[in-house]
Amino acid sequence: MALFEKMQIREASIQDLQETAKLFDEYRLFYKQKSDLAGARKFIEEKIRKQESRIYLLMEG
């Protein structure tokens, strides 16, 4: 079975908030910004609740 066949793409929901915030914080760190997990969580939560962004996650399994 090819690797891509084990992957699933889905839209992030409020239930994915913690994991999505961690990814966003890692993105910030990559661009030499300070870590702010609480700020990332608040930002992502607002975007999801207000439907201002669509965030997609690539999940294994």
C-alpha atoms as a PDB file:
ATOM      1  CA  MET A   1       0.000   0.000   0.000  1.00  0.00           C
ATOM      2  CA  ALA A   2       1.437   3.371  -1.010  1.00  0.00           C
ATOM      3  CA  LEU A   3       2.026   5.979   1.670  1.00  0.00           C
ATOM      4  CA  PHE A   4      -0.564   8.418   0.277  1.00  0.00           C
ATOM      5  CA  GLU A   5      -3.235   5.710   0.495  1.00  0.00           C
ATOM      6  CA  LYS A   6      -2.843   5.728   4.287  1.00  0.00           C
ATOM      7  CA  MET A   7      -3.423   9.475   4.510  1.00  0.00           C
ATOM      8  CA  GLN A   8      -6.658  11.363   4.928  1.00  0.00           C
ATOM      9  CA  ILE A   9      -7.198  15.089   4.320  1.00  0.00           C
ATOM     10  CA  ARG A  10      -9.930  16.737   6.356  1.00  0.00           C
ATOM     11  CA  GLU A  11     -10.962  20.183   7.455  1.00  0.00           C
ATOM     12  CA  ALA A  12      -9.947  21.111  11.000  1.00  0.00           C
ATOM     13  CA  SER A  13     -12.748  21.564  13.491  1.00  0.00           C
ATOM     14  CA  ILE A  14     -12.892  22.976  16.989  1.00  0.00           C
ATOM     15  CA  GLN A  15     -12.121  19.438  18.243  1.00  0.00           C
ATOM     16  CA  ASP A  16      -8.717  19.725  16.527  1.00  0.00           C
ATOM     17  CA  LEU A  17      -7.896  23.012  18.206  1.00  0.00           C
ATOM     18  CA  GLN A  18      -5.002  21.866  20.403  1.00  0.00           C
ATOM     19  CA  GLU A  19      -3.195  19.960  17.647  1.00  0.00           C
ATOM     20  CA  THR A  20      -3.775  22.732  15.109  1.00  0.00           C
ATOM     21  CA  ALA A  21      -2.502  25.371  17.527  1.00  0.00           C
ATOM     22  CA  LYS A  22       0.682  23.340  18.057  1.00  0.00           C
ATOM     23  CA  LEU A  23       1.248  23.217  14.293  1.00  0.00           C
ATOM     24  CA  PHE A  24       0.665  26.960  13.978  1.00  0.00           C
ATOM     25  CA  ASP A  25       3.097  27.628  16.840  1.00  0.00           C
ATOM     26  CA  GLU A  26       5.721  25.467  15.117  1.00  0.00           C
ATOM     27  CA  TYR A  27       5.135  27.484  11.942  1.00  0.00           C
ATOM     28  CA  ARG A  28       5.845  30.656  13.948  1.00  0.00           C
ATOM     29  CA  LEU A  29       9.043  29.154  15.352  1.00  0.00           C
ATOM     30  CA  PHE A  30      10.212  28.210  11.860  1.00  0.00           C
ATOM     31  CA  TYR A  31       9.977  31.890  10.907  1.00  0.00           C
ATOM     32  CA  LYS A  32      11.994  32.910  13.991  1.00  0.00           C
ATOM     33  CA  GLN A  33       8.995  34.194  15.961  1.00  0.00           C
ATOM     34  CA  LYS A  34       8.586  33.604  19.682  1.00  0.00           C
ATOM     35  CA  SER A  35       6.572  30.613  20.775  1.00  0.00           C
ATOM     36  CA  ASP A  36       3.068  31.583  21.872  1.00  0.00           C
ATOM     37  CA  LEU A  37       0.952  28.462  22.123  1.00  0.00           C
ATOM     38  CA  ALA A  38      -1.857  30.226  24.012  1.00  0.00           C
ATOM     39  CA  GLY A  39      -1.932  32.997  21.400  1.00  0.00           C
ATOM     40  CA  ALA A  40      -1.882  30.472  18.567  1.00  0.00           C
ATOM     41  CA  ARG A  41      -4.753  28.571  20.162  1.00  0.00           C
ATOM     42  CA  LYS A  42      -6.808  31.742  20.564  1.00  0.00           C
ATOM     43  CA  PHE A  43      -6.071  32.808  16.970  1.00  0.00           C
ATOM     44  CA  ILE A  44      -6.978  29.417  15.475  1.00  0.00           C
ATOM     45  CA  GLU A  45     -10.101  29.109  17.627  1.00  0.00           C
ATOM     46  CA  GLU A  46     -11.335  32.517  16.476  1.00  0.00           C
ATOM     47  CA  LYS A  47     -10.689  31.696  12.819  1.00  0.00           C
ATOM     48  CA  ILE A  48     -12.556  28.378  13.076  1.00  0.00           C
ATOM     49  CA  ARG A  49     -15.503  29.727  15.082  1.00  0.00           C
ATOM     50  CA  LYS A  50     -15.993  32.768  12.828  1.00  0.00           C
ATOM     51  CA  GLN A  51     -15.399  30.646   9.716  1.00  0.00           C
ATOM     52  CA  GLU A  52     -12.749  33.129   8.565  1.00  0.00           C
ATOM     53  CA  SER A  53     -10.310  30.427   7.508  1.00  0.00           C
ATOM     54  CA  ARG A  54     -10.397  26.879   6.295  1.00  0.00           C
ATOM     55  CA  ILE A  55      -7.614  24.796   7.741  1.00  0.00           C
ATOM     56  CA  TYR A  56      -6.951  21.334   6.391  1.00  0.00           C
ATOM     57  CA  LEU A  57      -5.098  18.580   8.196  1.00  0.00           C
ATOM     58  CA  LEU A  58      -3.336  15.616   6.663  1.00  0.00           C
ATOM     59  CA  MET A  59      -3.963  12.679   8.974  1.00  0.00           C
ATOM     60  CA  GLU A  60      -2.403   9.252   8.951  1.00  0.00           C
ATOM     61  CA  GLY A  61      -4.839   6.362   8.934  1.00  0.00           C
END
